[in-house]
C-alpha atoms as a PDB file:
ATOM      1  CA  MET A   1      -3.128  24.016   6.948  1.00  0.00           C
ATOM      2  CA  GLY A   2      -4.126  26.961   4.791  1.00  0.00           C
ATOM      3  CA  ARG A   3      -5.480  24.811   1.951  1.00  0.00           C
ATOM      4  CA  ASP A   4      -7.037  21.423   1.235  1.00  0.00           C
ATOM      5  CA  LYS A   5      -4.588  19.074   2.931  1.00  0.00           C
ATOM      6  CA  ALA A   6      -5.531  16.208   0.618  1.00  0.00           C
ATOM      7  CA  LEU A   7      -3.577  17.986  -2.106  1.00  0.00           C
ATOM      8  CA  LEU A   8      -0.495  18.830  -0.037  1.00  0.00           C
ATOM      9  CA  PRO A   9       2.597  17.131  -1.443  1.00  0.00           C
ATOM     10  CA  VAL A  10       4.527  14.458   0.410  1.00  0.00           C
ATOM     11  CA  ASP A  11       7.574  13.184  -1.440  1.00  0.00           C
ATOM     12  CA  GLY A  12       6.261  14.787  -4.618  1.00  0.00           C
ATOM     13  CA  SER A  13       2.721  13.367  -4.576  1.00  0.00           C
ATOM     14  CA  ALA A  14      -0.509  14.724  -3.145  1.00  0.00           C
ATOM     15  CA  MET A  15      -1.383  12.993   0.135  1.00  0.00           C
ATOM     16  CA  ALA A  16      -4.734  11.790  -1.204  1.00  0.00           C
ATOM     17  CA  ALA A  17      -3.045  10.331  -4.288  1.00  0.00           C
ATOM     18  CA  ARG A  18      -0.617   8.423  -2.039  1.00  0.00           C
ATOM     19  CA  VAL A  19      -3.499   6.953  -0.026  1.00  0.00           C
ATOM     20  CA  ALA A  20      -5.415   6.111  -3.220  1.00  0.00           C
ATOM     21  CA  ASP A  21      -2.332   4.369  -4.605  1.00  0.00           C
ATOM     22  CA  ALA A  22      -2.052   2.196  -1.490  1.00  0.00           C
ATOM     23  CA  LEU A  23      -5.737   1.273  -1.803  1.00  0.00           C
ATOM     24  CA  ARG A  24      -5.442   0.412  -5.498  1.00  0.00           C
ATOM     25  CA  ARG A  25      -2.286  -1.625  -4.988  1.00  0.00           C
ATOM     26  CA  ALA A  26      -4.134  -3.593  -2.282  1.00  0.00           C
ATOM     27  CA  GLY A  27      -6.856  -4.466  -4.790  1.00  0.00           C
ATOM     28  CA  CYS A  28      -9.519  -1.901  -3.926  1.00  0.00           C
ATOM     29  CA  ASP A  29     -11.541  -0.839  -6.944  1.00  0.00           C
ATOM     30  CA  PRO A  30     -12.976   1.660  -7.468  1.00  0.00           C
ATOM     31  CA  VAL A  31     -11.124   4.191  -5.334  1.00  0.00           C
ATOM     32  CA  LEU A  32     -13.018   7.444  -4.850  1.00  0.00           C
ATOM     33  CA  ALA A  33     -12.499  10.633  -2.887  1.00  0.00           C
ATOM     34  CA  PHE A  34     -15.407  11.956  -0.909  1.00  0.00           C
ATOM     35  CA  GLY A  35     -15.652  15.700  -0.370  1.00  0.00           C
ATOM     36  CA  GLY A  36     -12.914  18.265  -0.544  1.00  0.00           C
ATOM     37  CA  ASP A  37     -11.540  19.967  -3.634  1.00  0.00           C
ATOM     38  CA  LEU A  38     -13.018  17.671  -6.293  1.00  0.00           C
ATOM     39  CA  ARG A  39     -11.367  19.530  -9.173  1.00  0.00           C
ATOM     40  CA  GLY A  40      -7.952  19.338  -7.537  1.00  0.00           C
ATOM     41  CA  LEU A  41      -8.451  15.672  -6.671  1.00  0.00           C
ATOM     42  CA  ALA A  42      -9.412  14.909 -10.285  1.00  0.00           C
ATOM     43  CA  GLU A  43      -6.219  16.642 -11.420  1.00  0.00           C
ATOM     44  CA  VAL A  44      -4.173  14.145  -9.376  1.00  0.00           C
ATOM     45  CA  GLY A  45      -6.132  11.212 -10.823  1.00  0.00           C
ATOM     46  CA  LEU A  46      -8.659  10.688  -8.067  1.00  0.00           C
ATOM     47  CA  PRO A  47     -12.350  10.863  -9.003  1.00  0.00           C
ATOM     48  CA  GLY A  48     -14.486  12.365  -6.300  1.00  0.00           C
ATOM     49  CA  HIS A  49     -17.979  12.607  -4.991  1.00  0.00           C
ATOM     50  CA  PRO A  50     -19.326  15.796  -3.364  1.00  0.00           C
ATOM     51  CA  ASP A  51     -19.984  15.702   0.368  1.00  0.00           C
ATOM     52  CA  PRO A  52     -23.375  17.310   1.053  1.00  0.00           C
ATOM     53  CA  ARG A  53     -22.398  17.691   4.733  1.00  0.00           C
ATOM     54  CA  GLN A  54     -18.901  19.076   4.143  1.00  0.00           C
ATOM     55  CA  GLY A  55     -17.606  20.486   7.410  1.00  0.00           C
ATOM     56  CA  ASP A  56     -19.880  18.423   9.688  1.00  0.00           C
ATOM     57  CA  GLY A  57     -17.046  16.153  10.772  1.00  0.00           C
ATOM     58  CA  PRO A  58     -15.726  12.709   9.939  1.00  0.00           C
ATOM     59  CA  LEU A  59     -18.781  10.731  11.087  1.00  0.00           C
ATOM     60  CA  ALA A  60     -21.049  12.749   8.787  1.00  0.00           C
ATOM     61  CA  GLY A  61     -18.520  12.370   5.981  1.00  0.00           C
ATOM     62  CA  LEU A  62     -18.374   8.628   6.510  1.00  0.00           C
ATOM     63  CA  ALA A  63     -22.183   8.377   6.501  1.00  0.00           C
ATOM     64  CA  GLY A  64     -22.305  10.321   3.249  1.00  0.00           C
ATOM     65  CA  ALA A  65     -19.609   8.191   1.642  1.00  0.00           C
ATOM     66  CA  LEU A  66     -21.324   4.970   2.687  1.00  0.00           C
ATOM     67  CA  ALA A  67     -24.624   6.240   1.284  1.00  0.00           C
ATOM     68  CA  ALA A  68     -22.947   7.109  -2.036  1.00  0.00           C
ATOM     69  CA  VAL A  69     -21.674   3.610  -2.824  1.00  0.00           C
ATOM     70  CA  ALA A  70     -23.334   0.228  -3.234  1.00  0.00           C
ATOM     71  CA  ALA A  71     -20.603  -2.208  -2.145  1.00  0.00           C
ATOM     72  CA  ASP A  72     -21.236  -4.527   0.793  1.00  0.00           C
ATOM     73  CA  THR A  73     -17.970  -3.496   2.458  1.00  0.00           C
ATOM     74  CA  VAL A  74     -16.087  -0.238   2.078  1.00  0.00           C
ATOM     75  CA  VAL A  75     -12.488   0.536   2.945  1.00  0.00           C
ATOM     76  CA  VAL A  76     -12.284   4.102   4.202  1.00  0.00           C
ATOM     77  CA  CYS A  77      -8.937   5.822   4.639  1.00  0.00           C
ATOM     78  CA  ALA A  78      -8.398   9.458   5.532  1.00  0.00           C
ATOM     79  CA  CYS A  79      -6.530  11.524   2.975  1.00  0.00           C
ATOM     80  CA  ASP A  80      -4.000  12.571   5.605  1.00  0.00           C
ATOM     81  CA  LEU A  81      -2.344   9.174   6.107  1.00  0.00           C
ATOM     82  CA  PRO A  82       0.429   9.590   3.501  1.00  0.00           C
ATOM     83  CA  ASP A  83       2.498   6.629   4.718  1.00  0.00           C
ATOM     84  CA  LEU A  84      -0.261   4.029   4.461  1.00  0.00           C
ATOM     85  CA  ALA A  85       1.042   0.909   2.695  1.00  0.00           C
ATOM     86  CA  PRO A  86      -0.833  -1.569   0.502  1.00  0.00           C
ATOM     87  CA  ASP A  87      -0.037  -4.320   3.035  1.00  0.00           C
ATOM     88  CA  ASP A  88      -1.891  -2.296   5.683  1.00  0.00           C
ATOM     89  CA  VAL A  89      -5.024  -2.295   3.548  1.00  0.00           C
ATOM     90  CA  VAL A  90      -4.613  -6.003   2.805  1.00  0.00           C
ATOM     91  CA  ALA A  91      -4.443  -6.631   6.576  1.00  0.00           C
ATOM     92  CA  LEU A  92      -7.762  -4.803   7.043  1.00  0.00           C
ATOM     93  CA  LEU A  93      -9.357  -6.818   4.259  1.00  0.00           C
ATOM     94  CA  ALA A  94      -8.064 -10.094   5.689  1.00  0.00           C
ATOM     95  CA  ALA A  95      -9.235  -9.326   9.234  1.00  0.00           C
ATOM     96  CA  ASP A  96     -12.870  -8.643   8.407  1.00  0.00           C
ATOM     97  CA  ARG A  97     -15.263 -11.218   9.810  1.00  0.00           C
ATOM     98  CA  GLY A  98     -18.456  -9.392   8.861  1.00  0.00           C
ATOM     99  CA  ARG A  99     -18.239  -6.688  11.528  1.00  0.00           C
ATOM    100  CA  GLY A 100     -15.491  -4.646   9.901  1.00  0.00           C
ATOM    101  CA  ALA A 101     -11.905  -3.988  10.800  1.00  0.00           C
ATOM    102  CA  VAL A 102     -10.201  -0.898  12.167  1.00  0.00           C
ATOM    103  CA  ALA A 103      -6.505   0.015  12.240  1.00  0.00           C
ATOM    104  CA  TRP A 104      -4.679   0.419  15.531  1.00  0.00           C
ATOM    105  CA  SER A 105      -1.169   1.465  16.512  1.00  0.00           C
ATOM    106  CA  ASP A 106      -1.078   3.535  19.688  1.00  0.00           C
ATOM    107  CA  ARG A 107      -4.791   4.253  19.308  1.00  0.00           C
ATOM    108  CA  VAL A 108      -7.741   3.167  17.197  1.00  0.00           C
ATOM    109  CA  GLU A 109      -7.784   4.879  13.795  1.00  0.00           C
ATOM    110  CA  PRO A 110     -11.420   4.697  12.611  1.00  0.00           C
ATOM    111  CA  LEU A 111     -10.558   6.554   9.421  1.00  0.00           C
ATOM    112  CA  CYS A 112      -8.381   3.662   8.346  1.00  0.00           C
ATOM    113  CA  ALA A 113     -10.933   0.901   8.419  1.00  0.00           C
ATOM    114  CA  LEU A 114     -13.071  -1.546   6.553  1.00  0.00           C
ATOM    115  CA  TRP A 115     -16.760  -1.036   7.297  1.00  0.00           C
ATOM    116  CA  PRO A 116     -19.741  -3.277   6.576  1.00  0.00           C
ATOM    117  CA  ARG A 117     -21.624  -0.667   4.564  1.00  0.00           C
ATOM    118  CA  ARG A 118     -25.232  -1.236   5.665  1.00  0.00           C
ATOM    119  CA  ALA A 119     -24.474  -1.711   9.371  1.00  0.00           C
ATOM    120  CA  ALA A 120     -22.055   1.225   9.475  1.00  0.00           C
ATOM    121  CA  LEU A 121     -24.434   3.515   7.579  1.00  0.00           C
ATOM    122  CA  THR A 122     -27.341   2.602   9.861  1.00  0.00           C
ATOM    123  CA  ALA A 123     -25.237   3.132  12.992  1.00  0.00           C
ATOM    124  CA  ALA A 124     -23.652   6.375  11.770  1.00  0.00           C
ATOM    125  CA  THR A 125     -27.040   7.787  10.755  1.00  0.00           C
ATOM    126  CA  ALA A 126     -28.526   6.932  14.164  1.00  0.00           C
ATOM    127  CA  LEU A 127     -25.549   8.441  15.997  1.00  0.00           C
ATOM    128  CA  LEU A 128     -25.752  11.654  13.973  1.00  0.00           C
ATOM    129  CA  ALA A 129     -29.515  11.894  14.596  1.00  0.00           C
ATOM    130  CA  ALA A 130     -28.778  11.618  18.332  1.00  0.00           C
ATOM    131  CA  GLY A 131     -26.322  14.517  18.094  1.00  0.00           C
ATOM    132  CA  GLU A 132     -23.204  12.333  18.266  1.00  0.00           C
ATOM    133  CA  ARG A 133     -20.280  13.283  16.030  1.00  0.00           C
ATOM    134  CA  SER A 134     -17.567  10.978  17.342  1.00  0.00           C
ATOM    135  CA  MET A 135     -16.074   8.262  15.153  1.00  0.00           C
ATOM    136  CA  ARG A 136     -15.188   6.486  18.372  1.00  0.00           C
ATOM    137  CA  ALA A 137     -18.919   6.095  19.076  1.00  0.00           C
ATOM    138  CA  LEU A 138     -19.261   4.225  15.786  1.00  0.00           C
ATOM    139  CA  VAL A 139     -16.352   1.953  16.699  1.00  0.00           C
ATOM    140  CA  ASP A 140     -17.940   1.267  20.081  1.00  0.00           C
ATOM    141  CA  ARG A 141     -21.305   0.491  18.505  1.00  0.00           C
ATOM    142  CA  LEU A 142     -20.026  -1.839  15.762  1.00  0.00           C
ATOM    143  CA  ASP A 143     -17.072  -3.385  17.628  1.00  0.00           C
ATOM    144  CA  PRO A 144     -14.923  -4.051  14.530  1.00  0.00           C
ATOM    145  CA  GLN A 145     -11.894  -6.328  14.549  1.00  0.00           C
ATOM    146  CA  VAL A 146      -8.814  -4.358  15.634  1.00  0.00           C
ATOM    147  CA  VAL A 147      -5.842  -4.696  13.277  1.00  0.00           C
ATOM    148  CA  PRO A 148      -2.416  -3.678  14.599  1.00  0.00           C
ATOM    149  CA  LEU A 149      -0.457  -1.653  12.042  1.00  0.00           C
ATOM    150  CA  ALA A 150       2.907   0.076  12.213  1.00  0.00           C
ATOM    151  CA  ALA A 151       2.565   3.473  13.892  1.00  0.00           C
ATOM    152  CA  ALA A 152       4.724   5.032  11.174  1.00  0.00           C
ATOM    153  CA  HIS A 153       2.176   3.956   8.546  1.00  0.00           C
ATOM    154  CA  LEU A 154      -0.620   5.703  10.439  1.00  0.00           C
ATOM    155  CA  ARG A 155       1.187   9.035  10.713  1.00  0.00           C
ATOM    156  CA  ASN A 156      -1.622  11.579  10.592  1.00  0.00           C
ATOM    157  CA  VAL A 157      -0.952  15.001   9.075  1.00  0.00           C
ATOM    158  CA  ASN A 158      -3.054  17.696  10.743  1.00  0.00           C
ATOM    159  CA  ARG A 159      -0.618  20.622  11.015  1.00  0.00           C
ATOM    160  CA  PRO A 160       2.134  21.907   8.716  1.00  0.00           C
ATOM    161  CA  GLU A 161       4.781  20.650  11.156  1.00  0.00           C
ATOM    162  CA  ASP A 162       3.339  17.125  10.801  1.00  0.00           C
ATOM    163  CA  LEU A 163       4.415  17.070   7.173  1.00  0.00           C
ATOM    164  CA  GLY A 164       8.125  16.890   7.913  1.00  0.00           C
ATOM    165  CA  ARG A 165       8.753  16.566   4.169  1.00  0.00           C
ATOM    166  CA  ASP A 166       8.567  18.562   0.925  1.00  0.00           C
END
């Protein structure tokens, strides 16, 4: 992408700010960024926490984020889901039965999920220690509730052509 994609604009707002807004409007508090350009994220109104394993992949990032907070459950949404809606987050919250909830459209999206913090941290730490880096391995181990969401709301931006806006 050429720069921190969390700060790329979609319809005039940084992607991470759009995701944070959906989380806040769904009742999540506090909303924090984990890793990335912390100064840039603060400039768009999103407090952040440094990722000591920056670059080690999403499972390591998730483990670090879970270790940095004290809540019993944590909603984790990737910064590159700019079309996420508050109702999507509410659906994740409502679906949790103690084992977490993960979004699904045409595939499981483990970076749009509600995780039971202790169980997910324990599992992620064990997977990383075994050399596993796949988020799918965490989903398989914890077997969270699957929550169908609109595919358009889970549009993932990984390449400049995925932006399609601004």
